[in-house]
Amino acid sequence: MNIQSLQDSLKTLRGVEEFKNWTRKHLREVLPHEAAIFGLGHLHAGGVGLDYLITIDYPLDHINAIRNRAGAIDTPILRRWLATQEPQIFDGENPWPGTSQVWLDSFNKHRLRNALAHATYDHVRCVGTYHSVYKLPQLPSEREAKVLCDLLPVLHDAVCRIVGSLGTQDRLEENFAALTERERDVVRWLRLGKTNAQIASRVGMSESTVKHYLTGIFEKLEVLNRAQLVRLLVEQENRQAPTLATKVF
């Protein structure tokens, strides 16, 4: 499959499993590898922090071994890309000066050996994506680096689209954060099963004003009625507290 065909096929992918199957079936034809990681993260003052990783036949033990105390992932390959913004070719037998020994020991233990990686910033979406392949039969060539460069824009869009489909809970948090303090008061009493009249009495509003507030709350939280809102609130309460941990798929 040529580069144009690869780019076209990437545009049709919608889910994580489709993307993983595409990687195994098509990407390996032009970039022979045994493991891969594709990540998406938010932009910050220091560069980009990885929020999501899509792994394909990649040793999860290595990911867990290099997590920091907050659960986030730190890799010298991405850090070097942040400094150069160029494709990175890494040889585990000839590491860069200053490479973390803990990271390198785990990298070599899992025989990830020859690696090729590239990334990109997206200032419109305020995100960055990271694309890396490992266990190539030999150290990647400039030709293989060019292949990854040619695919980068479409890979970026695909990862943004696919990870975006996983972000329902993140959007839910944003929607809750958009509520005013007054709206949160109304929601709090509604969660306790109070009627509109009871809520009006407790928050010092008229019943018609409570109804008006509820209409706005339903719109912000993307629900149709009280029953849906209560279910949403229960789900929200049952969720884990947010962390800085990188989510792995």
Protein backbone atom coordinates (compact mmCIF):
# COMPACT_ATOMS: atom_id res chain seq x y z
CA MET A 1 0.00 0.00 0.00
CA ASN A 2 1.45 3.38 -0.99
CA ILE A 3 1.47 6.51 1.19
CA GLN A 4 -1.61 8.04 -0.45
CA SER A 5 -3.60 4.85 0.10
CA LEU A 6 -2.47 4.74 3.72
CA GLN A 7 -3.54 8.34 4.23
CA ASP A 8 -6.94 7.68 2.64
CA SER A 9 -7.56 4.57 4.75
CA LEU A 10 -6.65 6.45 7.94
CA LYS A 11 -9.41 8.99 7.28
CA THR A 12 -12.10 6.30 7.56
CA LEU A 13 -11.10 4.98 10.99
CA ARG A 14 -13.40 5.73 13.94
CA GLY A 15 -12.58 3.50 16.91
CA VAL A 16 -9.54 2.28 18.84
CA GLU A 17 -9.82 -1.30 17.61
CA GLU A 18 -10.14 -0.17 13.99
CA PHE A 19 -7.03 1.92 14.44
CA LYS A 20 -5.09 -0.95 16.02
CA ASN A 21 -6.09 -3.31 13.22
CA TRP A 22 -5.08 -0.71 10.62
CA THR A 23 -1.68 -0.40 12.28
CA ARG A 24 -1.07 -4.15 12.26
CA LYS A 25 -2.34 -4.69 8.72
CA HIS A 26 -1.19 -1.60 6.83
CA LEU A 27 1.36 0.47 8.75
CA ARG A 28 3.60 -2.56 9.22
CA GLU A 29 3.83 -2.91 5.45
CA VAL A 30 5.77 0.35 5.16
CA LEU A 31 7.23 0.56 8.68
CA PRO A 32 8.00 -3.02 9.76
CA HIS A 33 7.69 -3.06 13.53
CA GLU A 34 6.35 -5.28 16.29
CA ALA A 35 5.02 -2.69 18.72
CA ALA A 36 3.68 0.86 18.58
CA ILE A 37 2.32 3.68 20.71
CA PHE A 38 0.23 6.66 19.65
CA GLY A 39 -0.46 9.35 22.22
CA LEU A 40 -2.43 12.54 22.68
CA GLY A 41 -1.75 15.19 25.27
CA HIS A 42 -2.53 18.75 26.26
CA LEU A 43 -0.22 21.66 25.54
CA HIS A 44 1.42 23.39 28.49
CA ALA A 45 4.29 25.77 29.12
CA GLY A 46 6.87 22.97 29.06
CA GLY A 47 5.58 21.31 25.89
CA VAL A 48 2.97 18.56 25.98
CA GLY A 49 1.79 16.13 28.66
CA LEU A 50 0.54 12.71 27.55
CA ASP A 51 -3.11 12.17 28.55
CA TYR A 52 -3.97 9.13 26.40
CA LEU A 53 -1.95 6.31 24.87
CA ILE A 54 -3.16 3.84 22.25
CA THR A 55 -0.86 0.82 22.43
CA ILE A 56 -0.44 -1.87 19.78
CA ASP A 57 1.34 -5.05 20.94
CA TYR A 58 3.34 -2.90 23.35
CA PRO A 59 4.54 -4.21 26.73
CA LEU A 60 2.33 -2.56 29.34
CA ASP A 61 4.83 -3.57 32.04
CA HIS A 62 7.25 -1.06 30.53
CA ILE A 63 4.64 1.71 30.71
CA ASN A 64 3.88 0.92 34.34
CA ALA A 65 7.60 0.79 35.16
CA ILE A 66 8.22 4.33 33.92
CA ARG A 67 5.17 6.08 35.41
CA ASN A 68 5.93 8.84 37.87
CA ARG A 69 4.19 9.18 41.24
CA ALA A 70 1.22 10.94 39.64
CA GLY A 71 0.82 8.14 37.11
CA ALA A 72 2.05 10.19 34.15
CA ILE A 73 4.48 8.92 31.52
CA ASP A 74 7.90 10.46 30.98
CA THR A 75 10.07 9.24 28.10
CA PRO A 76 13.43 10.59 26.87
CA ILE A 77 12.31 10.04 23.27
CA LEU A 78 9.42 12.49 23.62
CA ARG A 79 11.56 14.85 25.67
CA ARG A 80 14.18 14.91 22.91
CA TRP A 81 11.46 15.56 20.32
CA LEU A 82 10.28 18.52 22.39
CA ALA A 83 13.79 19.94 22.18
CA THR A 84 14.28 19.35 18.44
CA GLN A 85 10.79 18.80 16.94
CA GLU A 86 12.38 16.35 14.50
CA PRO A 87 11.86 12.59 13.96
CA GLN A 88 13.69 10.59 16.61
CA ILE A 89 15.62 7.38 15.95
CA PHE A 90 16.63 5.57 19.13
CA ASP A 91 19.00 2.64 19.53
CA GLY A 92 18.75 0.97 22.92
CA GLU A 93 22.32 -0.31 22.63
CA ASN A 94 23.67 3.20 22.01
CA PRO A 95 21.50 5.48 24.16
CA TRP A 96 21.73 9.24 24.20
CA PRO A 97 23.82 10.84 26.95
CA GLY A 98 21.68 11.57 29.99
CA THR A 99 19.10 8.86 29.24
CA SER A 100 17.48 7.69 32.48
CA GLN A 101 19.01 4.38 33.49
CA VAL A 102 15.72 3.18 34.98
CA TRP A 103 13.91 3.93 31.71
CA LEU A 104 16.70 2.38 29.62
CA ASP A 105 16.85 -0.81 31.71
CA SER A 106 13.10 -1.31 31.24
CA PHE A 107 13.33 -0.43 27.53
CA ASN A 108 16.03 -3.04 26.96
CA LYS A 109 14.41 -5.60 29.25
CA HIS A 110 11.34 -5.58 26.98
CA ARG A 111 13.55 -5.70 23.86
CA LEU A 112 12.02 -2.59 22.35
CA ARG A 113 15.41 -1.92 20.68
CA ASN A 114 15.15 0.07 17.42
CA ALA A 115 12.59 2.86 17.71
CA LEU A 116 11.28 5.62 15.47
CA ALA A 117 9.10 8.45 16.76
CA HIS A 118 7.67 11.77 15.69
CA ALA A 119 5.13 14.19 17.14
CA THR A 120 3.31 17.39 16.31
CA TYR A 121 1.72 20.38 17.98
CA ASP A 122 -1.83 21.46 17.19
CA HIS A 123 -2.38 24.99 18.48
CA VAL A 124 -5.96 25.07 17.16
CA ARG A 125 -7.04 22.08 19.26
CA CYS A 126 -4.49 22.91 21.99
CA VAL A 127 -3.15 19.35 21.91
CA GLY A 128 -0.15 17.43 20.67
CA THR A 129 0.09 13.89 19.33
CA TYR A 130 2.96 11.41 19.58
CA HIS A 131 3.56 8.53 17.15
CA SER A 132 6.19 5.85 17.75
CA VAL A 133 7.06 2.36 16.51
CA TYR A 134 9.42 -0.13 18.14
CA LYS A 135 11.17 -3.46 17.55
CA LEU A 136 12.10 -2.67 13.98
CA PRO A 137 14.36 -5.34 12.42
CA GLN A 138 17.16 -2.80 12.19
CA LEU A 139 17.84 0.80 13.11
CA PRO A 140 15.32 2.95 11.18
CA SER A 141 16.62 4.62 8.04
CA GLU A 142 16.04 8.16 6.81
CA ARG A 143 13.59 6.71 4.30
CA GLU A 144 11.50 5.22 7.10
CA ALA A 145 11.67 8.51 8.98
CA LYS A 146 10.32 10.24 5.88
CA VAL A 147 7.43 7.76 5.71
CA LEU A 148 6.45 8.69 9.26
CA CYS A 149 6.77 12.40 8.40
CA ASP A 150 4.50 11.95 5.35
CA LEU A 151 1.88 10.16 7.45
CA LEU A 152 2.11 12.51 10.42
CA PRO A 153 -0.68 15.00 9.52
CA VAL A 154 -3.24 12.26 8.85
CA LEU A 155 -2.09 10.19 11.82
CA HIS A 156 -2.53 13.28 13.98
CA ASP A 157 -6.10 13.83 12.78
CA ALA A 158 -6.92 10.14 13.26
CA VAL A 159 -5.60 10.05 16.84
CA CYS A 160 -7.44 13.29 17.72
CA ARG A 161 -10.67 11.91 16.27
CA ILE A 162 -10.38 8.49 17.92
CA VAL A 163 -9.32 9.77 21.33
CA GLY A 164 -12.06 12.39 21.07
CA SER A 165 -14.59 9.58 20.88
CA LEU A 166 -13.26 8.35 24.24
CA GLY A 167 -13.56 11.75 25.88
CA THR A 168 -17.22 11.72 26.94
CA GLN A 169 -16.36 11.75 30.63
CA ASP A 170 -13.90 14.59 30.13
CA ARG A 171 -16.59 16.65 28.38
CA LEU A 172 -18.95 15.79 31.23
CA GLU A 173 -16.50 17.31 33.72
CA GLU A 174 -16.25 20.43 31.57
CA ASN A 175 -20.05 20.70 31.46
CA PHE A 176 -20.32 20.45 35.25
CA ALA A 177 -17.59 23.05 35.62
CA ALA A 178 -19.65 25.42 33.45
CA LEU A 179 -22.52 25.52 35.98
CA THR A 180 -22.86 28.69 38.04
CA GLU A 181 -22.89 28.52 41.83
CA ARG A 182 -26.63 29.17 41.80
CA GLU A 183 -27.20 26.35 39.31
CA ARG A 184 -25.14 24.01 41.47
CA ASP A 185 -27.39 24.84 44.43
CA VAL A 186 -30.43 23.85 42.38
CA VAL A 187 -28.70 20.65 41.21
CA ARG A 188 -27.72 19.76 44.78
CA TRP A 189 -31.32 19.92 46.02
CA LEU A 190 -32.64 18.13 42.95
CA ARG A 191 -30.18 15.29 43.62
CA LEU A 192 -31.74 14.98 47.09
CA GLY A 193 -35.14 14.43 45.49
CA LYS A 194 -36.67 17.82 46.23
CA THR A 195 -39.54 19.16 44.13
CA ASN A 196 -39.36 22.50 42.34
CA ALA A 197 -41.41 24.11 45.09
CA GLN A 198 -39.13 22.72 47.80
CA ILE A 199 -36.03 23.85 45.91
CA ALA A 200 -37.53 27.33 45.47
CA SER A 201 -38.09 27.58 49.22
CA ARG A 202 -34.55 26.51 50.07
CA VAL A 203 -32.65 28.68 47.59
CA GLY A 204 -34.86 31.76 47.84
CA MET A 205 -36.33 31.74 44.32
CA SER A 206 -39.77 31.56 42.87
CA GLU A 207 -40.87 28.21 41.50
CA SER A 208 -40.94 29.61 37.96
CA THR A 209 -37.33 30.78 38.37
CA VAL A 210 -36.31 27.29 39.47
CA LYS A 211 -37.94 25.92 36.30
CA HIS A 212 -35.98 28.46 34.26
CA TYR A 213 -32.73 27.42 35.96
CA LEU A 214 -33.48 23.75 35.31
CA THR A 215 -33.94 24.42 31.61
CA GLY A 216 -30.47 25.99 31.48
CA ILE A 217 -28.97 23.16 33.53
CA PHE A 218 -30.48 20.53 31.24
CA GLU A 219 -28.94 22.30 28.23
CA LYS A 220 -25.49 22.61 29.79
CA LEU A 221 -25.41 18.99 30.94
CA GLU A 222 -26.95 17.71 27.70
CA VAL A 223 -29.90 15.90 29.30
CA LEU A 224 -33.63 16.04 28.54
CA ASN A 225 -35.28 15.74 31.94
CA ARG A 226 -34.88 15.35 35.71
CA ALA A 227 -34.54 11.55 35.57
CA GLN A 228 -31.62 11.76 33.13
CA LEU A 229 -29.99 14.46 35.24
CA VAL A 230 -30.24 12.36 38.42
CA ARG A 231 -28.66 9.37 36.63
CA LEU A 232 -25.89 11.63 35.39
CA LEU A 233 -25.27 12.96 38.89
CA VAL A 234 -25.05 9.43 40.30
CA GLU A 235 -22.55 8.48 37.59
CA GLN A 236 -20.53 11.60 38.34
CA GLU A 237 -20.42 10.80 42.06
CA ASN A 238 -19.26 7.25 41.36
CA ARG A 239 -16.38 8.32 39.19
CA GLN A 240 -12.82 8.28 40.49
CA ALA A 241 -11.31 11.62 41.37
CA PRO A 242 -9.39 12.97 38.38
CA THR A 243 -5.62 12.36 38.35
CA LEU A 244 -2.66 13.26 36.20
CA ALA A 245 -2.30 9.62 35.16
CA THR A 246 -1.92 8.81 31.48
CA LYS A 247 -4.81 6.63 30.31
CA VAL A 248 -3.80 3.59 28.26
CA PHE A 249 -5.93 1.85 25.61
